[in-house]
PDB file of N, CA and C in Angstrom:
ATOM      1  N   ASP A   1       0.850  -1.181   0.000  1.00  0.00           N
ATOM      2  CA  ASP A   1       0.000   0.000   0.000  1.00  0.00           C
ATOM      3  C   ASP A   1       0.892   1.239   0.000  1.00  0.00           C
ATOM      4  N   GLY A   2       0.842   2.038  -1.035  1.00  0.00           N
ATOM      5  CA  GLY A   2       1.695   3.202  -1.182  1.00  0.00           C
ATOM      6  C   GLY A   2       1.561   4.230  -0.085  1.00  0.00           C
ATOM      7  N   TYR A   3       0.400   4.289   0.568  1.00  0.00           N
ATOM      8  CA  TYR A   3       0.193   5.277   1.615  1.00  0.00           C
ATOM      9  C   TYR A   3       0.958   4.938   2.883  1.00  0.00           C
ATOM     10  N   ARG A   4       1.317   3.659   3.057  1.00  0.00           N
ATOM     11  CA  ARG A   4       2.015   3.250   4.259  1.00  0.00           C
ATOM     12  C   ARG A   4       3.520   3.437   4.136  1.00  0.00           C
ATOM     13  N   ILE A   5       4.015   3.653   2.938  1.00  0.00           N
ATOM     14  CA  ILE A   5       5.440   3.837   2.724  1.00  0.00           C
ATOM     15  C   ILE A   5       5.792   5.301   2.919  1.00  0.00           C
ATOM     16  N   ARG A   6       6.772   5.534   3.788  1.00  0.00           N
ATOM     17  CA  ARG A   6       7.219   6.906   3.990  1.00  0.00           C
ATOM     18  C   ARG A   6       7.977   7.368   2.754  1.00  0.00           C
ATOM     19  N   ARG A   7       7.560   8.482   2.196  1.00  0.00           N
ATOM     20  CA  ARG A   7       8.214   8.965   0.982  1.00  0.00           C
ATOM     21  C   ARG A   7       9.559   9.610   1.281  1.00  0.00           C
ATOM     22  N   VAL A   8       9.703  10.246   2.412  1.00  0.00           N
ATOM     23  CA  VAL A   8      10.958  10.893   2.781  1.00  0.00           C
ATOM     24  C   VAL A   8      11.266  10.534   4.222  1.00  0.00           C
ATOM     25  N   GLU A   9      12.459   9.998   4.448  1.00  0.00           N
ATOM     26  CA  GLU A   9      12.885   9.718   5.810  1.00  0.00           C
ATOM     27  C   GLU A   9      13.738  10.890   6.278  1.00  0.00           C
ATOM     28  N   LYS A  10      13.876  11.004   7.593  1.00  0.00           N
ATOM     29  CA  LYS A  10      14.663  12.106   8.138  1.00  0.00           C
ATOM     30  C   LYS A  10      15.782  11.560   9.002  1.00  0.00           C
ATOM     31  N   ILE A  11      16.902  12.252   8.991  1.00  0.00           N
ATOM     32  CA  ILE A  11      17.985  11.884   9.879  1.00  0.00           C
ATOM     33  C   ILE A  11      17.820  12.688  11.163  1.00  0.00           C
ATOM     34  N   GLU A  12      18.661  12.409  12.159  1.00  0.00           N
ATOM     35  CA  GLU A  12      18.468  12.963  13.487  1.00  0.00           C
ATOM     36  C   GLU A  12      18.341  14.486  13.529  1.00  0.00           C
ATOM     37  N   ASP A  13      19.063  15.196  12.705  1.00  0.00           N
ATOM     38  CA  ASP A  13      18.988  16.660  12.787  1.00  0.00           C
ATOM     39  C   ASP A  13      17.782  17.214  12.026  1.00  0.00           C
ATOM     40  N   GLY A  14      16.945  16.337  11.474  1.00  0.00           N
ATOM     41  CA  GLY A  14      15.708  16.786  10.856  1.00  0.00           C
ATOM     42  C   GLY A  14      15.786  17.034   9.361  1.00  0.00           C
ATOM     43  N   ARG A  15      16.965  16.951   8.771  1.00  0.00           N
ATOM     44  CA  ARG A  15      17.072  17.159   7.326  1.00  0.00           C
ATOM     45  C   ARG A  15      16.484  15.973   6.584  1.00  0.00           C
ATOM     46  N   ALA A  16      15.860  16.217   5.473  1.00  0.00           N
ATOM     47  CA  ALA A  16      15.279  15.141   4.667  1.00  0.00           C
ATOM     48  C   ALA A  16      16.395  14.393   3.939  1.00  0.00           C
ATOM     49  N   LEU A  17      16.254  13.084   3.820  1.00  0.00           N
ATOM     50  CA  LEU A  17      17.198  12.283   3.064  1.00  0.00           C
ATOM     51  C   LEU A  17      16.857  12.358   1.586  1.00  0.00           C
ATOM     52  N   ALA A  18      17.850  12.178   0.763  1.00  0.00           N
ATOM     53  CA  ALA A  18      17.624  12.156  -0.678  1.00  0.00           C
ATOM     54  C   ALA A  18      16.671  11.005  -1.005  1.00  0.00           C
ATOM     55  N   PRO A  19      15.735  11.214  -1.924  1.00  0.00           N
ATOM     56  CA  PRO A  19      14.753  10.173  -2.249  1.00  0.00           C
ATOM     57  C   PRO A  19      15.383   8.837  -2.646  1.00  0.00           C
ATOM     58  N   ASP A  20      16.488   8.854  -3.413  1.00  0.00           N
ATOM     59  CA  ASP A  20      17.109   7.585  -3.817  1.00  0.00           C
ATOM     60  C   ASP A  20      17.701   6.851  -2.620  1.00  0.00           C
ATOM     61  N   TYR A  21      18.234   7.598  -1.643  1.00  0.00           N
ATOM     62  CA  TYR A  21      18.768   6.975  -0.429  1.00  0.00           C
ATOM     63  C   TYR A  21      17.632   6.397   0.414  1.00  0.00           C
ATOM     64  N   ALA A  22      16.541   7.146   0.526  1.00  0.00           N
ATOM     65  CA  ALA A  22      15.382   6.664   1.289  1.00  0.00           C
ATOM     66  C   ALA A  22      14.829   5.390   0.656  1.00  0.00           C
ATOM     67  N   LEU A  23      14.794   5.340  -0.667  1.00  0.00           N
ATOM     68  CA  LEU A  23      14.303   4.158  -1.372  1.00  0.00           C
ATOM     69  C   LEU A  23      15.225   2.964  -1.127  1.00  0.00           C
ATOM     70  N   LYS A  24      16.541   3.205  -1.136  1.00  0.00           N
ATOM     71  CA  LYS A  24      17.499   2.131  -0.877  1.00  0.00           C
ATOM     72  C   LYS A  24      17.344   1.603   0.546  1.00  0.00           C
ATOM     73  N   ARG A  25      17.133   2.500   1.515  1.00  0.00           N
ATOM     74  CA  ARG A  25      16.922   2.074   2.904  1.00  0.00           C
ATOM     75  C   ARG A  25      15.652   1.241   3.008  1.00  0.00           C
ATOM     76  N   GLN A  26      14.596   1.671   2.341  1.00  0.00           N
ATOM     77  CA  GLN A  26      13.335   0.927   2.373  1.00  0.00           C
ATOM     78  C   GLN A  26      13.551  -0.459   1.767  1.00  0.00           C
ATOM     79  N   SER A  27      14.253  -0.519   0.666  1.00  0.00           N
ATOM     80  CA  SER A  27      14.537  -1.784   0.001  1.00  0.00           C
ATOM     81  C   SER A  27      15.355  -2.695   0.914  1.00  0.00           C
ATOM     82  N   SER A  28      16.333  -2.130   1.621  1.00  0.00           N
ATOM     83  CA  SER A  28      17.151  -2.898   2.560  1.00  0.00           C
ATOM     84  C   SER A  28      16.300  -3.436   3.698  1.00  0.00           C
ATOM     85  N   SER A  29      15.416  -2.595   4.222  1.00  0.00           N
ATOM     86  CA  SER A  29      14.530  -3.029   5.310  1.00  0.00           C
ATOM     87  C   SER A  29      13.652  -4.189   4.865  1.00  0.00           C
ATOM     88  N   GLU A  30      13.133  -4.092   3.664  1.00  0.00           N
ATOM     89  CA  GLU A  30      12.281  -5.158   3.137  1.00  0.00           C
ATOM     90  C   GLU A  30      13.074  -6.444   2.968  1.00  0.00           C
ATOM     91  N   ALA A  31      14.330  -6.341   2.530  1.00  0.00           N
ATOM     92  CA  ALA A  31      15.172  -7.528   2.361  1.00  0.00           C
ATOM     93  C   ALA A  31      15.443  -8.186   3.707  1.00  0.00           C
ATOM     94  N   VAL A  32      15.733  -7.391   4.723  1.00  0.00           N
ATOM     95  CA  VAL A  32      15.978  -7.933   6.061  1.00  0.00           C
ATOM     96  C   VAL A  32      14.717  -8.612   6.577  1.00  0.00           C
ATOM     97  N   LEU A  33      13.561  -7.992   6.389  1.00  0.00           N
ATOM     98  CA  LEU A  33      12.306  -8.599   6.840  1.00  0.00           C
ATOM     99  C   LEU A  33      12.042  -9.924   6.135  1.00  0.00           C
ATOM    100  N   ARG A  34      12.355 -10.000   4.845  1.00  0.00           N
ATOM    101  CA  ARG A  34      12.174 -11.264   4.114  1.00  0.00           C
ATOM    102  C   ARG A  34      13.062 -12.357   4.695  1.00  0.00           C
ATOM    103  N   VAL A  35      14.292 -11.998   5.050  1.00  0.00           N
ATOM    104  CA  VAL A  35      15.196 -12.990   5.640  1.00  0.00           C
ATOM    105  C   VAL A  35      14.680 -13.409   7.013  1.00  0.00           C
ATOM    106  N   ILE A  36      14.203 -12.461   7.807  1.00  0.00           N
ATOM    107  CA  ILE A  36      13.639 -12.796   9.121  1.00  0.00           C
ATOM    108  C   ILE A  36      12.456 -13.738   8.950  1.00  0.00           C
ATOM    109  N   GLU A  37      11.598 -13.458   7.981  1.00  0.00           N
ATOM    110  CA  GLU A  37      10.429 -14.305   7.738  1.00  0.00           C
ATOM    111  C   GLU A  37      10.823 -15.714   7.300  1.00  0.00           C
ATOM    112  N   SER A  38      12.017 -15.873   6.745  1.00  0.00           N
ATOM    113  CA  SER A  38      12.464 -17.188   6.289  1.00  0.00           C
ATOM    114  C   SER A  38      13.161 -17.992   7.385  1.00  0.00           C
ATOM    115  N   LEU A  39      13.375 -17.383   8.547  1.00  0.00           N
ATOM    116  CA  LEU A  39      14.019 -18.092   9.651  1.00  0.00           C
ATOM    117  C   LEU A  39      13.133 -19.230  10.145  1.00  0.00           C
ATOM    118  N   PRO A  40      13.758 -20.247  10.754  1.00  0.00           N
ATOM    119  CA  PRO A  40      12.940 -21.281  11.404  1.00  0.00           C
ATOM    120  C   PRO A  40      12.020 -20.632  12.440  1.00  0.00           C
ATOM    121  N   GLU A  41      10.906 -21.256  12.715  1.00  0.00           N
ATOM    122  CA  GLU A  41       9.864 -20.653  13.557  1.00  0.00           C
ATOM    123  C   GLU A  41      10.389 -20.130  14.892  1.00  0.00           C
ATOM    124  N   ARG A  42      11.172 -20.937  15.592  1.00  0.00           N
ATOM    125  CA  ARG A  42      11.664 -20.528  16.911  1.00  0.00           C
ATOM    126  C   ARG A  42      12.551 -19.280  16.811  1.00  0.00           C
ATOM    127  N   GLU A  43      13.463 -19.264  15.852  1.00  0.00           N
ATOM    128  CA  GLU A  43      14.350 -18.111  15.679  1.00  0.00           C
ATOM    129  C   GLU A  43      13.566 -16.876  15.242  1.00  0.00           C
ATOM    130  N   ARG A  44      12.591 -17.083  14.364  1.00  0.00           N
ATOM    131  CA  ARG A  44      11.764 -15.966  13.895  1.00  0.00           C
ATOM    132  C   ARG A  44      10.983 -15.345  15.049  1.00  0.00           C
ATOM    133  N   LEU A  45      10.376 -16.176  15.890  1.00  0.00           N
ATOM    134  CA  LEU A  45       9.603 -15.677  17.024  1.00  0.00           C
ATOM    135  C   LEU A  45      10.493 -14.913  17.998  1.00  0.00           C
ATOM    136  N   ALA A  46      11.604 -15.500  18.398  1.00  0.00           N
ATOM    137  CA  ALA A  46      12.499 -14.844  19.358  1.00  0.00           C
ATOM    138  C   ALA A  46      13.032 -13.529  18.797  1.00  0.00           C
ATOM    139  N   THR A  47      13.416 -13.530  17.532  1.00  0.00           N
ATOM    140  CA  THR A  47      13.949 -12.327  16.884  1.00  0.00           C
ATOM    141  C   THR A  47      12.901 -11.226  16.829  1.00  0.00           C
ATOM    142  N   THR A  48      11.709 -11.587  16.434  1.00  0.00           N
ATOM    143  CA  THR A  48      10.628 -10.599  16.350  1.00  0.00           C
ATOM    144  C   THR A  48      10.305 -10.024  17.718  1.00  0.00           C
ATOM    145  N   LEU A  49      10.184 -10.865  18.714  1.00  0.00           N
ATOM    146  CA  LEU A  49       9.854 -10.375  20.059  1.00  0.00           C
ATOM    147  C   LEU A  49      10.962  -9.499  20.624  1.00  0.00           C
ATOM    148  N   TYR A  50      12.202  -9.867  20.372  1.00  0.00           N
ATOM    149  CA  TYR A  50      13.331  -9.118  20.930  1.00  0.00           C
ATOM    150  C   TYR A  50      13.575  -7.799  20.198  1.00  0.00           C
ATOM    151  N   PHE A  51      13.698  -7.869  18.876  1.00  0.00           N
ATOM    152  CA  PHE A  51      14.092  -6.682  18.109  1.00  0.00           C
ATOM    153  C   PHE A  51      12.942  -5.754  17.763  1.00  0.00           C
ATOM    154  N   TYR A  52      11.740  -6.287  17.588  1.00  0.00           N
ATOM    155  CA  TYR A  52      10.632  -5.445  17.157  1.00  0.00           C
ATOM    156  C   TYR A  52       9.622  -5.156  18.255  1.00  0.00           C
ATOM    157  N   GLU A  53       9.480  -6.069  19.198  1.00  0.00           N
ATOM    158  CA  GLU A  53       8.553  -5.839  20.310  1.00  0.00           C
ATOM    159  C   GLU A  53       9.284  -5.373  21.563  1.00  0.00           C
ATOM    160  N   ASN A  54      10.620  -5.354  21.499  1.00  0.00           N
ATOM    161  CA  ASN A  54      11.474  -4.896  22.605  1.00  0.00           C
ATOM    162  C   ASN A  54      11.214  -5.638  23.912  1.00  0.00           C
ATOM    163  N   MET A  55      10.907  -6.914  23.809  1.00  0.00           N
ATOM    164  CA  MET A  55      10.714  -7.723  25.002  1.00  0.00           C
ATOM    165  C   MET A  55      12.080  -8.129  25.568  1.00  0.00           C
ATOM    166  N   THR A  56      12.134  -8.337  26.869  1.00  0.00           N
ATOM    167  CA  THR A  56      13.370  -8.788  27.494  1.00  0.00           C
ATOM    168  C   THR A  56      13.537 -10.284  27.264  1.00  0.00           C
ATOM    169  N   LEU A  57      14.745 -10.769  27.522  1.00  0.00           N
ATOM    170  CA  LEU A  57      15.004 -12.204  27.386  1.00  0.00           C
ATOM    171  C   LEU A  57      14.108 -12.990  28.333  1.00  0.00           C
ATOM    172  N   ARG A  58      13.907 -12.466  29.529  1.00  0.00           N
ATOM    173  CA  ARG A  58      13.042 -13.129  30.505  1.00  0.00           C
ATOM    174  C   ARG A  58      11.612 -13.229  29.986  1.00  0.00           C
ATOM    175  N   GLU A  59      11.095 -12.114  29.439  1.00  0.00           N
ATOM    176  CA  GLU A  59       9.724 -12.115  28.911  1.00  0.00           C
ATOM    177  C   GLU A  59       9.581 -13.102  27.752  1.00  0.00           C
ATOM    178  N   ILE A  60      10.570 -13.115  26.876  1.00  0.00           N
ATOM    179  CA  ILE A  60      10.527 -14.036  25.741  1.00  0.00           C
ATOM    180  C   ILE A  60      10.587 -15.480  26.241  1.00  0.00           C
ATOM    181  N   GLY A  61      11.415 -15.723  27.243  1.00  0.00           N
ATOM    182  CA  GLY A  61      11.501 -17.057  27.833  1.00  0.00           C
ATOM    183  C   GLY A  61      10.167 -17.533  28.378  1.00  0.00           C
ATOM    184  N   ARG A  62       9.433 -16.623  29.003  1.00  0.00           N
ATOM    185  CA  ARG A  62       8.106 -16.988  29.517  1.00  0.00           C
ATOM    186  C   ARG A  62       7.157 -17.335  28.373  1.00  0.00           C
ATOM    187  N   VAL A  63       7.194 -16.552  27.313  1.00  0.00           N
ATOM    188  CA  VAL A  63       6.322 -16.803  26.156  1.00  0.00           C
ATOM    189  C   VAL A  63       6.667 -18.141  25.496  1.00  0.00           C
ATOM    190  N   MET A  64       7.962 -18.389  25.350  1.00  0.00           N
ATOM    191  CA  MET A  64       8.413 -19.588  24.641  1.00  0.00           C
ATOM    192  C   MET A  64       8.596 -20.791  25.569  1.00  0.00           C
ATOM    193  N   VAL A  65       8.456 -20.562  26.861  1.00  0.00           N
ATOM    194  CA  VAL A  65       8.622 -21.596  27.889  1.00  0.00           C
ATOM    195  C   VAL A  65      10.023 -22.224  27.808  1.00  0.00           C
ATOM    196  N   VAL A  66      11.019 -21.343  27.802  1.00  0.00           N
ATOM    197  CA  VAL A  66      12.426 -21.750  27.831  1.00  0.00           C
ATOM    198  C   VAL A  66      13.176 -20.780  28.747  1.00  0.00           C
ATOM    199  N   SER A  67      14.420 -21.091  29.068  1.00  0.00           N
ATOM    200  CA  SER A  67      15.218 -20.230  29.944  1.00  0.00           C
ATOM    201  C   SER A  67      15.711 -18.991  29.193  1.00  0.00           C
ATOM    202  N   GLU A  68      16.086 -17.969  29.966  1.00  0.00           N
ATOM    203  CA  GLU A  68      16.639 -16.752  29.370  1.00  0.00           C
ATOM    204  C   GLU A  68      17.898 -17.063  28.570  1.00  0.00           C
ATOM    205  N   SER A  69      18.747 -17.929  29.113  1.00  0.00           N
ATOM    206  CA  SER A  69      19.998 -18.241  28.416  1.00  0.00           C
ATOM    207  C   SER A  69      19.717 -18.944  27.083  1.00  0.00           C
ATOM    208  N   TYR A  70      18.671 -19.767  27.044  1.00  0.00           N
ATOM    209  CA  TYR A  70      18.328 -20.429  25.789  1.00  0.00           C
ATOM    210  C   TYR A  70      17.782 -19.420  24.783  1.00  0.00           C
ATOM    211  N   VAL A  71      17.014 -18.453  25.253  1.00  0.00           N
ATOM    212  CA  VAL A  71      16.524 -17.388  24.365  1.00  0.00           C
ATOM    213  C   VAL A  71      17.712 -16.648  23.760  1.00  0.00           C
ATOM    214  N   CYS A  72      18.697 -16.354  24.584  1.00  0.00           N
ATOM    215  CA  CYS A  72      19.904 -15.664  24.108  1.00  0.00           C
ATOM    216  C   CYS A  72      20.580 -16.486  23.007  1.00  0.00           C
ATOM    217  N   GLN A  73      20.668 -17.793  23.199  1.00  0.00           N
ATOM    218  CA  GLN A  73      21.270 -18.674  22.185  1.00  0.00           C
ATOM    219  C   GLN A  73      20.452 -18.665  20.893  1.00  0.00           C
ATOM    220  N   ILE A  74      19.145 -18.688  21.020  1.00  0.00           N
ATOM    221  CA  ILE A  74      18.270 -18.668  19.841  1.00  0.00           C
ATOM    222  C   ILE A  74      18.471 -17.375  19.061  1.00  0.00           C
ATOM    223  N   ILE A  75      18.513 -16.243  19.771  1.00  0.00           N
ATOM    224  CA  ILE A  75      18.691 -14.949  19.113  1.00  0.00           C
ATOM    225  C   ILE A  75      20.063 -14.873  18.450  1.00  0.00           C
ATOM    226  N   GLN A  76      21.080 -15.369  19.114  1.00  0.00           N
ATOM    227  CA  GLN A  76      22.421 -15.361  18.518  1.00  0.00           C
ATOM    228  C   GLN A  76      22.457 -16.213  17.253  1.00  0.00           C
ATOM    229  N   ARG A  77      21.809 -17.370  17.292  1.00  0.00           N
ATOM    230  CA  ARG A  77      21.741 -18.241  16.119  1.00  0.00           C
ATOM    231  C   ARG A  77      21.017 -17.519  14.969  1.00  0.00           C
ATOM    232  N   ALA A  78      19.933 -16.821  15.287  1.00  0.00           N
ATOM    233  CA  ALA A  78      19.182 -16.071  14.271  1.00  0.00           C
ATOM    234  C   ALA A  78      20.050 -14.962  13.673  1.00  0.00           C
ATOM    235  N   LYS A  79      20.793 -14.255  14.520  1.00  0.00           N
ATOM    236  CA  LYS A  79      21.682 -13.195  14.019  1.00  0.00           C
ATOM    237  C   LYS A  79      22.754 -13.763  13.103  1.00  0.00           C
ATOM    238  N   ASP A  80      23.291 -14.928  13.457  1.00  0.00           N
ATOM    239  CA  ASP A  80      24.298 -15.568  12.606  1.00  0.00           C
ATOM    240  C   ASP A  80      23.708 -15.923  11.242  1.00  0.00           C
ATOM    241  N   ILE A  81      22.494 -16.452  11.241  1.00  0.00           N
ATOM    242  CA  ILE A  81      21.818 -16.790   9.981  1.00  0.00           C
ATOM    243  C   ILE A  81      21.586 -15.524   9.157  1.00  0.00           C
ATOM    244  N   LEU A  82      21.101 -14.465   9.812  1.00  0.00           N
ATOM    245  CA  LEU A  82      20.847 -13.206   9.102  1.00  0.00           C
ATOM    246  C   LEU A  82      22.127 -12.663   8.476  1.00  0.00           C
ATOM    247  N   ARG A  83      23.204 -12.642   9.243  1.00  0.00           N
ATOM    248  CA  ARG A  83      24.478 -12.139   8.707  1.00  0.00           C
ATOM    249  C   ARG A  83      24.936 -12.961   7.506  1.00  0.00           C
ATOM    250  N   LYS A  84      24.812 -14.285   7.619  1.00  0.00           N
ATOM    251  CA  LYS A  84      25.249 -15.158   6.537  1.00  0.00           C
ATOM    252  C   LYS A  84      24.414 -14.915   5.276  1.00  0.00           C
ATOM    253  N   ARG A  85      23.102 -14.817   5.439  1.00  0.00           N
ATOM    254  CA  ARG A  85      22.222 -14.637   4.276  1.00  0.00           C
ATOM    255  C   ARG A  85      22.330 -13.247   3.668  1.00  0.00           C
ATOM    256  N   LEU A  86      22.723 -12.256   4.463  1.00  0.00           N
ATOM    257  CA  LEU A  86      22.841 -10.893   3.951  1.00  0.00           C
ATOM    258  C   LEU A  86      24.268 -10.559   3.513  1.00  0.00           C
ATOM    259  N   LYS A  87      25.188 -11.487   3.717  1.00  0.00           N
ATOM    260  CA  LYS A  87      26.608 -11.235   3.472  1.00  0.00           C
ATOM    261  C   LYS A  87      26.919 -10.765   2.058  1.00  0.00           C
ATOM    262  N   ASN A  88      26.345 -11.375   1.068  1.00  0.00           N
ATOM    263  CA  ASN A  88      26.660 -11.042  -0.318  1.00  0.00           C
ATOM    264  C   ASN A  88      25.679 -10.063  -0.943  1.00  0.00           C
ATOM    265  N   THR A  89      25.050  -9.259  -0.111  1.00  0.00           N
ATOM    266  CA  THR A  89      24.145  -8.229  -0.609  1.00  0.00           C
ATOM    267  C   THR A  89      24.782  -6.866  -0.365  1.00  0.00           C
ATOM    268  N   GLU A  90      24.124  -5.828  -0.818  1.00  0.00           N
ATOM    269  CA  GLU A  90      24.618  -4.468  -0.582  1.00  0.00           C
ATOM    270  C   GLU A  90      24.194  -3.939   0.783  1.00  0.00           C
ATOM    271  N   ILE A  91      23.509  -4.767   1.552  1.00  0.00           N
ATOM    272  CA  ILE A  91      23.017  -4.347   2.857  1.00  0.00           C
ATOM    273  C   ILE A  91      24.154  -4.451   3.862  1.00  0.00           C
ATOM    274  N   PRO A  92      24.396  -3.405   4.667  1.00  0.00           N
ATOM    275  CA  PRO A  92      25.449  -3.476   5.687  1.00  0.00           C
ATOM    276  C   PRO A  92      25.215  -4.659   6.611  1.00  0.00           C
ATOM    277  N   GLU A  93      26.300  -5.237   7.114  1.00  0.00           N
ATOM    278  CA  GLU A  93      26.234  -6.475   7.898  1.00  0.00           C
ATOM    279  C   GLU A  93      25.225  -6.435   9.032  1.00  0.00           C
ATOM    280  N   ASP A  94      25.182  -5.365   9.800  1.00  0.00           N
ATOM    281  CA  ASP A  94      24.280  -5.312  10.955  1.00  0.00           C
ATOM    282  C   ASP A  94      23.032  -4.483  10.696  1.00  0.00           C
ATOM    283  N   TYR A  95      22.721  -4.175   9.442  1.00  0.00           N
ATOM    284  CA  TYR A  95      21.529  -3.388   9.154  1.00  0.00           C
ATOM    285  C   TYR A  95      20.287  -4.151   9.586  1.00  0.00           C
ATOM    286  N   GLY A  96      19.491  -3.531  10.409  1.00  0.00           N
ATOM    287  CA  GLY A  96      18.257  -4.148  10.815  1.00  0.00           C
ATOM    288  C   GLY A  96      18.393  -5.202  11.895  1.00  0.00           C
ATOM    289  N   ILE A  97      19.614  -5.403  12.400  1.00  0.00           N
ATOM    290  CA  ILE A  97      19.840  -6.409  13.413  1.00  0.00           C
ATOM    291  C   ILE A  97      20.109  -5.706  14.756  1.00  0.00           C
ATOM    292  N   LYS A  98      19.374  -4.675  14.983  1.00  0.00           N
ATOM    293  CA  LYS A  98      19.469  -3.906  16.213  1.00  0.00           C
ATOM    294  C   LYS A  98      18.064  -3.692  16.751  1.00  0.00           C
ATOM    295  N   ARG A  99      17.978  -3.503  18.042  1.00  0.00           N
ATOM    296  CA  ARG A  99      16.661  -3.297  18.648  1.00  0.00           C
ATOM    297  C   ARG A  99      16.035  -2.001  18.189  1.00  0.00           C
ATOM    298  N   VAL A 100      14.737  -2.019  18.000  1.00  0.00           N
ATOM    299  CA  VAL A 100      13.975  -0.845  17.604  1.00  0.00           C
ATOM    300  C   VAL A 100      13.634  -0.068  18.852  1.00  0.00           C
ATOM    301  N   GLY A 101      13.692   1.271  18.778  1.00  0.00           N
ATOM    302  CA  GLY A 101      13.254   2.099  19.895  1.00  0.00           C
ATOM    303  C   GLY A 101      14.230   2.356  20.920  1.00  0.00           C
TER     304      GLY A 101
END
């Protein structure tokens, strides 16, 4: 839906980004989301809850009924998969692999 796509993104000081750069960032975000969606179910769930819902390891452990340390291992495994799958793309290694907010 074209209305949901931000036409111009802004950097911290409020200046508008060039449209071609904003489009490249959007394209990169979509590529990262596609890779996340392709993760095995457990890794996808932990990654989504941690990076996009900003849940703690403890909270995720309660949802998944596993220990905090196991959640940490799952997230690390997901990050390794993401880095490997994004390695030969133009997307920076850690793009999108950081917590939101």
